[in-house]
Amino acid sequence: MSEGQKFQLGTVGALSLSVVSSVSIVICNKALISSLGFTFATTLTSWHLLVTFCSLHVALWMKLFEHKPFDPRAVMGFGILNGISIGLLNLSLGFNSVGFYQMTKLAIIPCTVLLETIFFRKKFSRNIQLSLAILLLGVGIATVTDLQLNVLGSILSLLAVITTCVAQIMTNTIQKKFKVSSTQLLYQSCPYQAITLFIIGPFLDGLLTNKNVFAFKYTPYVLFFIVLSCLISVSVNFSTFLVIGKTSPVTYQVLGHLKTCLVLAFGYVLLHDPFSWRNILGILIAVIGMVLYSYCCTVETQQKANETSAAQSAQVKENETDPLVSAEKGTIGDNAKSPVWKSNKDLHA
């Protein structure tokens, strides 16, 4: 199996793991919040990250991956930023209507595209842009219901979008810059994310629910679903870093909307949640957008690979046939120890 095939197989595996684990944790958390009344989302997320770190520490002890320390300031800043972005998203949901919160999540994709275009000079083709527009239209039709605006909620949503975009771009950038795997980055950043959320979690949850997380009655059923949610979160957190590292922040956001549509469909089919033809139409349009996006990304990746391969072949052929290049590399006989001209500039001297 070639390296390209292994990479594609790994990418498909990462995407599949992300979808399955995310849909599973949504179902688990829905039972925990809706049925059992445990509404402390931010505090629960801090427990997720703590369990994830402990699991990775055990994996490191078992030598399942190698610890690779790098710039501690980058790790700390990244971890704290991730924790803040999660807290802001929860605040956005608390101070806005569900429809406006969905619009906030939809805004993450164009914001990420804009930031990568401005700061990283990354270019997105018209086909990619069109497929993203179709995707956002479909998700908007399926999920956005009402748009009740308020100043505080709008500011929180704006901050949530910016911090989330920057955090996800940093995930991809740090892995490539420092040549660390998703597991290594997650292991080092988890403590900072967990501490940040553990500190602000009870305060935010109390602000949003008017309840005290420490005064909640923890029955065996509640504890069971909390433990189950934490165990699933290990897979969710790992797959998140894995997907962004192997693909891009934009692809991860597209995948996130796929999860949203799957959760909605699951609720309609199995849980008999109320739905309308608008929801079904939106999901179908979103799926079309996701299929187009995947197809366009695959075609462009293949084109880039072919262009790179052709350029390398042409370079090899040129080196073999050009005596000047060969001479400079010392490949023409034993007597050709130094070339007649040292550079092309000497030809015009």
Protein backbone atom coordinates (compact mmCIF):
# COMPACT_ATOMS: atom_id res chain seq x y z
CA MET A 1 0.00 0.00 0.00
CA SER A 2 1.43 3.40 -1.04
CA GLU A 3 1.84 6.36 1.31
CA GLY A 4 -1.01 8.20 -0.44
CA GLN A 5 -3.37 5.27 0.06
CA LYS A 6 -2.39 4.97 3.72
CA PHE A 7 -3.03 8.71 4.21
CA GLN A 8 -6.45 8.47 2.54
CA LEU A 9 -7.35 5.41 4.64
CA GLY A 10 -6.25 7.22 7.80
CA THR A 11 -8.31 10.29 6.84
CA VAL A 12 -11.44 8.20 6.23
CA GLY A 13 -10.91 6.45 9.56
CA ALA A 14 -10.50 9.77 11.38
CA LEU A 15 -13.66 11.20 9.79
CA SER A 16 -15.66 8.06 10.60
CA LEU A 17 -14.45 8.01 14.22
CA SER A 18 -15.34 11.70 14.59
CA VAL A 19 -18.87 11.21 13.25
CA VAL A 20 -19.67 8.08 15.30
CA SER A 21 -18.22 9.41 18.57
CA SER A 22 -19.80 12.87 18.22
CA VAL A 23 -23.27 11.55 17.45
CA SER A 24 -22.94 9.08 20.36
CA ILE A 25 -21.96 11.77 22.86
CA VAL A 26 -24.80 14.04 21.72
CA ILE A 27 -27.30 11.23 22.36
CA CYS A 28 -25.73 10.50 25.75
CA ASN A 29 -25.68 14.18 26.77
CA LYS A 30 -29.25 14.65 25.58
CA ALA A 31 -30.36 11.92 27.97
CA LEU A 32 -28.23 13.45 30.73
CA ILE A 33 -29.54 16.99 30.26
CA SER A 34 -33.13 16.47 29.11
CA SER A 35 -34.12 13.36 31.04
CA LEU A 36 -31.98 13.60 34.19
CA GLY A 37 -31.79 17.38 34.55
CA PHE A 38 -27.99 17.70 34.60
CA THR A 39 -27.67 21.02 32.72
CA PHE A 40 -24.08 21.95 33.64
CA ALA A 41 -22.53 21.72 30.17
CA THR A 42 -19.31 23.70 30.75
CA THR A 43 -18.42 21.83 33.94
CA LEU A 44 -19.15 18.53 32.19
CA THR A 45 -16.77 19.53 29.40
CA SER A 46 -14.00 20.17 31.93
CA TRP A 47 -14.53 16.63 33.24
CA HIS A 48 -14.38 15.33 29.67
CA LEU A 49 -10.97 16.93 29.17
CA LEU A 50 -9.68 15.71 32.53
CA VAL A 51 -10.66 12.10 31.69
CA THR A 52 -9.12 12.50 28.22
CA PHE A 53 -5.83 13.64 29.74
CA CYS A 54 -5.79 10.74 32.24
CA SER A 55 -6.52 8.27 29.40
CA LEU A 56 -3.69 9.69 27.30
CA HIS A 57 -1.36 9.56 30.29
CA VAL A 58 -2.10 5.84 30.66
CA ALA A 59 -1.52 5.38 26.92
CA LEU A 60 1.82 7.17 27.26
CA TRP A 61 2.77 4.92 30.19
CA MET A 62 1.92 1.91 27.99
CA LYS A 63 4.15 3.45 25.29
CA LEU A 64 1.30 3.66 22.77
CA PHE A 65 2.64 7.04 21.65
CA GLU A 66 5.77 9.12 22.23
CA HIS A 67 5.78 12.30 24.29
CA LYS A 68 7.24 15.16 22.24
CA PRO A 69 7.56 18.44 24.17
CA PHE A 70 7.66 21.69 22.21
CA ASP A 71 7.15 25.44 22.78
CA PRO A 72 5.35 25.57 26.17
CA ARG A 73 4.00 29.07 25.52
CA ALA A 74 2.31 27.91 22.32
CA VAL A 75 0.77 24.93 24.14
CA MET A 76 -0.47 27.06 27.04
CA GLY A 77 -1.93 29.75 24.80
CA PHE A 78 -3.58 27.17 22.58
CA GLY A 79 -5.08 25.25 25.52
CA ILE A 80 -6.45 28.35 27.24
CA LEU A 81 -7.88 29.69 23.97
CA ASN A 82 -9.65 26.38 23.34
CA GLY A 83 -11.16 26.45 26.81
CA ILE A 84 -12.33 30.04 26.40
CA SER A 85 -13.91 29.28 23.00
CA ILE A 86 -15.96 26.43 24.54
CA GLY A 87 -17.11 28.69 27.36
CA LEU A 88 -18.09 31.46 24.92
CA LEU A 89 -20.08 29.03 22.77
CA ASN A 90 -22.02 27.91 25.86
CA LEU A 91 -22.62 31.54 26.84
CA SER A 92 -23.78 32.30 23.30
CA LEU A 93 -26.36 29.53 23.56
CA GLY A 94 -27.46 30.80 26.96
CA PHE A 95 -27.93 34.45 25.98
CA ASN A 96 -29.33 33.90 22.47
CA SER A 97 -32.20 32.04 20.89
CA VAL A 98 -31.51 28.58 19.46
CA GLY A 99 -31.89 29.96 15.93
CA PHE A 100 -29.28 32.69 16.49
CA TYR A 101 -26.95 30.15 18.10
CA GLN A 102 -27.22 27.99 14.97
CA MET A 103 -26.38 31.05 12.88
CA THR A 104 -23.33 31.55 15.08
CA LYS A 105 -22.15 28.02 14.33
CA LEU A 106 -22.80 28.53 10.61
CA ALA A 107 -20.68 31.70 10.68
CA ILE A 108 -17.60 29.70 11.74
CA ILE A 109 -17.02 28.31 8.22
CA PRO A 110 -16.95 31.64 6.30
CA CYS A 111 -14.95 33.21 9.13
CA THR A 112 -12.37 30.39 8.95
CA VAL A 113 -12.16 30.74 5.15
CA LEU A 114 -11.66 34.50 5.52
CA LEU A 115 -8.93 34.17 8.17
CA GLU A 116 -7.03 31.51 6.20
CA THR A 117 -7.28 33.62 3.03
CA ILE A 118 -6.00 36.78 4.75
CA PHE A 119 -3.28 35.41 7.01
CA PHE A 120 -2.20 32.21 5.22
CA ARG A 121 -2.85 33.24 1.59
CA LYS A 122 -4.85 30.04 1.15
CA LYS A 123 -7.00 29.97 -1.98
CA PHE A 124 -10.41 28.33 -2.21
CA SER A 125 -11.71 27.52 -5.68
CA ARG A 126 -15.15 28.59 -6.89
CA ASN A 127 -16.34 24.98 -6.74
CA ILE A 128 -15.32 24.76 -3.07
CA GLN A 129 -17.02 28.07 -2.31
CA LEU A 130 -20.20 26.98 -4.12
CA SER A 131 -20.36 23.65 -2.26
CA LEU A 132 -19.87 25.44 1.09
CA ALA A 133 -22.66 27.89 0.21
CA ILE A 134 -25.03 24.99 -0.58
CA LEU A 135 -24.06 23.28 2.68
CA LEU A 136 -24.66 26.39 4.78
CA LEU A 137 -27.99 27.01 3.05
CA GLY A 138 -29.16 23.48 3.82
CA VAL A 139 -28.08 23.54 7.46
CA GLY A 140 -29.67 26.97 7.84
CA ILE A 141 -33.00 25.73 6.46
CA ALA A 142 -32.92 22.63 8.69
CA THR A 143 -31.87 24.22 11.97
CA VAL A 144 -32.46 27.97 12.07
CA THR A 145 -35.91 28.75 13.43
CA ASP A 146 -35.95 32.21 15.02
CA LEU A 147 -33.50 35.10 15.14
CA GLN A 148 -34.00 37.12 18.34
CA LEU A 149 -31.16 39.62 18.57
CA ASN A 150 -29.70 41.30 21.65
CA VAL A 151 -26.51 43.29 22.13
CA LEU A 152 -24.86 41.09 24.78
CA GLY A 153 -25.75 37.87 22.94
CA SER A 154 -24.42 39.26 19.65
CA ILE A 155 -21.09 40.26 21.23
CA LEU A 156 -20.71 36.84 22.87
CA SER A 157 -21.49 35.11 19.56
CA LEU A 158 -18.93 37.22 17.70
CA LEU A 159 -16.24 36.41 20.28
CA ALA A 160 -17.21 32.72 20.18
CA VAL A 161 -16.87 32.60 16.39
CA ILE A 162 -13.47 34.35 16.37
CA THR A 163 -11.94 32.28 19.19
CA THR A 164 -13.25 29.01 17.73
CA CYS A 165 -11.86 29.80 14.27
CA VAL A 166 -8.45 30.81 15.62
CA ALA A 167 -8.27 27.75 17.91
CA GLN A 168 -9.07 25.36 15.05
CA ILE A 169 -6.61 27.03 12.69
CA MET A 170 -3.97 26.82 15.44
CA THR A 171 -4.67 23.08 15.80
CA ASN A 172 -3.71 22.52 12.17
CA THR A 173 -0.83 25.02 12.18
CA ILE A 174 0.83 23.77 15.39
CA GLN A 175 0.77 20.14 14.27
CA LYS A 176 2.50 21.03 11.00
CA LYS A 177 4.92 23.62 12.40
CA PHE A 178 6.23 21.53 15.30
CA LYS A 179 5.70 18.16 13.54
CA VAL A 180 3.63 16.71 16.37
CA SER A 181 0.80 14.21 16.07
CA SER A 182 -2.77 14.91 17.13
CA THR A 183 -2.26 12.68 20.18
CA GLN A 184 0.88 14.56 21.27
CA LEU A 185 -0.81 17.96 20.91
CA LEU A 186 -3.96 16.81 22.70
CA TYR A 187 -1.94 15.32 25.57
CA GLN A 188 -0.04 18.55 26.18
CA SER A 189 -2.93 20.98 25.73
CA CYS A 190 -5.59 19.01 27.66
CA PRO A 191 -4.52 20.15 31.16
CA TYR A 192 -4.74 23.84 30.22
CA GLN A 193 -8.16 23.38 28.61
CA ALA A 194 -9.43 21.36 31.58
CA ILE A 195 -8.15 23.86 34.18
CA THR A 196 -9.62 26.81 32.26
CA LEU A 197 -13.06 25.20 32.04
CA PHE A 198 -12.89 23.80 35.58
CA ILE A 199 -12.39 27.35 36.90
CA ILE A 200 -14.99 29.13 34.78
CA GLY A 201 -17.40 26.18 34.42
CA PRO A 202 -19.33 26.40 37.73
CA PHE A 203 -19.63 30.18 37.35
CA LEU A 204 -20.93 30.00 33.76
CA ASP A 205 -23.29 27.13 34.54
CA GLY A 206 -24.65 28.97 37.56
CA LEU A 207 -25.14 32.11 35.46
CA LEU A 208 -27.01 30.22 32.76
CA THR A 209 -29.07 27.79 34.87
CA ASN A 210 -29.36 29.52 38.28
CA LYS A 211 -28.28 26.21 39.83
CA ASN A 212 -25.21 25.03 41.72
CA VAL A 213 -23.38 22.10 40.14
CA PHE A 214 -22.02 21.05 43.55
CA ALA A 215 -25.52 20.99 45.10
CA PHE A 216 -26.97 18.73 42.42
CA LYS A 217 -28.27 15.32 43.52
CA TYR A 218 -26.03 12.73 41.85
CA THR A 219 -28.09 9.55 41.55
CA PRO A 220 -26.58 6.30 40.22
CA TYR A 221 -28.25 6.93 36.83
CA VAL A 222 -26.74 10.42 36.62
CA LEU A 223 -23.30 9.13 37.57
CA PHE A 224 -23.57 6.34 34.97
CA PHE A 225 -24.34 8.76 32.14
CA ILE A 226 -21.66 11.21 33.30
CA VAL A 227 -19.03 8.43 33.25
CA LEU A 228 -20.30 7.20 29.85
CA SER A 229 -20.20 10.74 28.47
CA CYS A 230 -16.62 11.21 29.74
CA LEU A 231 -15.49 7.93 28.18
CA ILE A 232 -17.01 8.81 24.80
CA SER A 233 -15.43 12.27 25.02
CA VAL A 234 -11.95 10.69 24.84
CA SER A 235 -12.78 9.50 21.34
CA VAL A 236 -14.43 12.84 20.45
CA ASN A 237 -11.44 14.95 21.54
CA PHE A 238 -8.92 12.64 19.91
CA SER A 239 -10.81 12.48 16.60
CA THR A 240 -11.23 16.28 16.55
CA PHE A 241 -7.47 16.87 16.64
CA LEU A 242 -6.93 13.97 14.25
CA VAL A 243 -9.38 15.30 11.63
CA ILE A 244 -8.08 18.88 11.74
CA GLY A 245 -4.47 17.65 11.57
CA LYS A 246 -5.13 15.41 8.57
CA THR A 247 -7.48 17.75 6.70
CA SER A 248 -8.23 21.39 7.54
CA PRO A 249 -10.32 23.50 9.93
CA VAL A 250 -12.87 24.10 7.15
CA THR A 251 -13.28 20.36 6.53
CA TYR A 252 -13.77 19.83 10.25
CA GLN A 253 -16.55 22.43 10.30
CA VAL A 254 -18.20 20.74 7.30
CA LEU A 255 -18.01 17.47 9.21
CA GLY A 256 -19.57 19.19 12.20
CA HIS A 257 -22.62 20.15 10.17
CA LEU A 258 -22.87 16.57 8.92
CA LYS A 259 -23.06 15.49 12.57
CA THR A 260 -25.81 18.06 13.17
CA CYS A 261 -27.87 16.64 10.31
CA LEU A 262 -27.31 13.07 11.53
CA VAL A 263 -28.39 13.98 15.05
CA LEU A 264 -31.52 15.65 13.70
CA ALA A 265 -32.30 12.63 11.52
CA PHE A 266 -31.71 10.30 14.48
CA GLY A 267 -34.12 12.34 16.59
CA TYR A 268 -36.80 12.27 13.89
CA VAL A 269 -36.55 8.55 13.14
CA LEU A 270 -35.81 6.91 16.50
CA LEU A 271 -36.88 9.43 19.13
CA HIS A 272 -39.91 10.71 17.21
CA ASP A 273 -38.94 14.36 17.66
CA PRO A 274 -41.28 16.83 15.90
CA PHE A 275 -40.18 17.70 12.37
CA SER A 276 -41.43 19.36 9.20
CA TRP A 277 -40.76 19.15 5.48
CA ARG A 278 -38.52 22.17 5.94
CA ASN A 279 -36.22 20.14 8.18
CA ILE A 280 -36.08 17.27 5.67
CA LEU A 281 -35.45 19.65 2.75
CA GLY A 282 -32.66 21.38 4.67
CA ILE A 283 -30.95 18.10 5.51
CA LEU A 284 -31.11 16.95 1.86
CA ILE A 285 -29.62 20.24 0.62
CA ALA A 286 -26.89 20.07 3.28
CA VAL A 287 -26.00 16.51 2.28
CA ILE A 288 -25.75 17.60 -1.37
CA GLY A 289 -23.40 20.41 -0.31
CA MET A 290 -21.25 18.00 1.72
CA VAL A 291 -21.02 15.52 -1.16
CA LEU A 292 -20.00 18.31 -3.56
CA TYR A 293 -17.43 19.62 -1.08
CA SER A 294 -15.91 16.15 -0.63
CA TYR A 295 -15.82 15.59 -4.39
CA CYS A 296 -14.20 18.97 -5.10
CA CYS A 297 -11.59 18.45 -2.37
CA THR A 298 -10.76 14.98 -3.72
CA VAL A 299 -10.41 16.24 -7.31
CA GLU A 300 -8.24 19.21 -6.32
CA THR A 301 -6.03 17.07 -4.07
CA GLN A 302 -5.53 14.59 -6.92
CA GLN A 303 -4.70 17.40 -9.34
CA LYS A 304 -2.11 18.84 -6.95
CA ALA A 305 -0.58 15.38 -6.46
CA ASN A 306 -0.37 14.86 -10.25
CA GLU A 307 1.18 18.30 -10.76
CA THR A 308 3.76 17.64 -8.04
CA SER A 309 4.59 14.23 -9.50
CA ALA A 310 4.92 15.68 -13.01
CA ALA A 311 7.18 18.48 -11.77
CA GLN A 312 9.43 16.01 -9.95
CA SER A 313 9.64 13.77 -13.04
CA ALA A 314 10.53 16.73 -15.23
CA GLN A 315 13.22 17.82 -12.77
CA VAL A 316 14.75 14.33 -12.70
CA LYS A 317 14.72 14.15 -16.50
CA GLU A 318 16.33 17.59 -16.78
CA ASN A 319 19.07 16.63 -14.34
CA GLU A 320 19.83 13.49 -16.33
CA THR A 321 20.06 15.26 -19.71
CA ASP A 322 21.64 18.62 -18.80
CA PRO A 323 25.45 18.24 -18.67
CA LEU A 324 25.86 21.50 -16.77
CA VAL A 325 23.51 20.41 -13.99
CA SER A 326 25.06 16.95 -13.91
CA ALA A 327 28.56 18.42 -13.82
CA GLU A 328 27.66 20.69 -10.95
CA LYS A 329 26.47 17.63 -9.03
CA GLY A 330 29.67 15.75 -9.90
CA THR A 331 27.96 12.98 -11.89
CA ILE A 332 29.90 13.17 -15.22
CA GLY A 333 32.85 10.85 -14.93
CA ASP A 334 35.76 10.97 -12.54
CA ASN A 335 37.59 13.76 -14.36
CA ALA A 336 34.71 16.23 -14.10
CA LYS A 337 35.60 17.42 -10.65
CA SER A 338 34.55 21.01 -11.30
CA PRO A 339 32.19 22.48 -13.89
CA VAL A 340 33.27 24.83 -16.64
CA TRP A 341 30.74 27.43 -15.43
CA LYS A 342 29.69 27.80 -11.85
CA SER A 343 26.30 29.33 -12.61
CA ASN A 344 24.11 30.48 -15.44
CA LYS A 345 25.28 34.03 -14.84
CA ASP A 346 28.76 33.09 -16.12
CA LEU A 347 27.24 32.28 -19.50
CA HIS A 348 26.38 35.96 -20.01
CA ALA A 349 29.56 37.41 -18.52
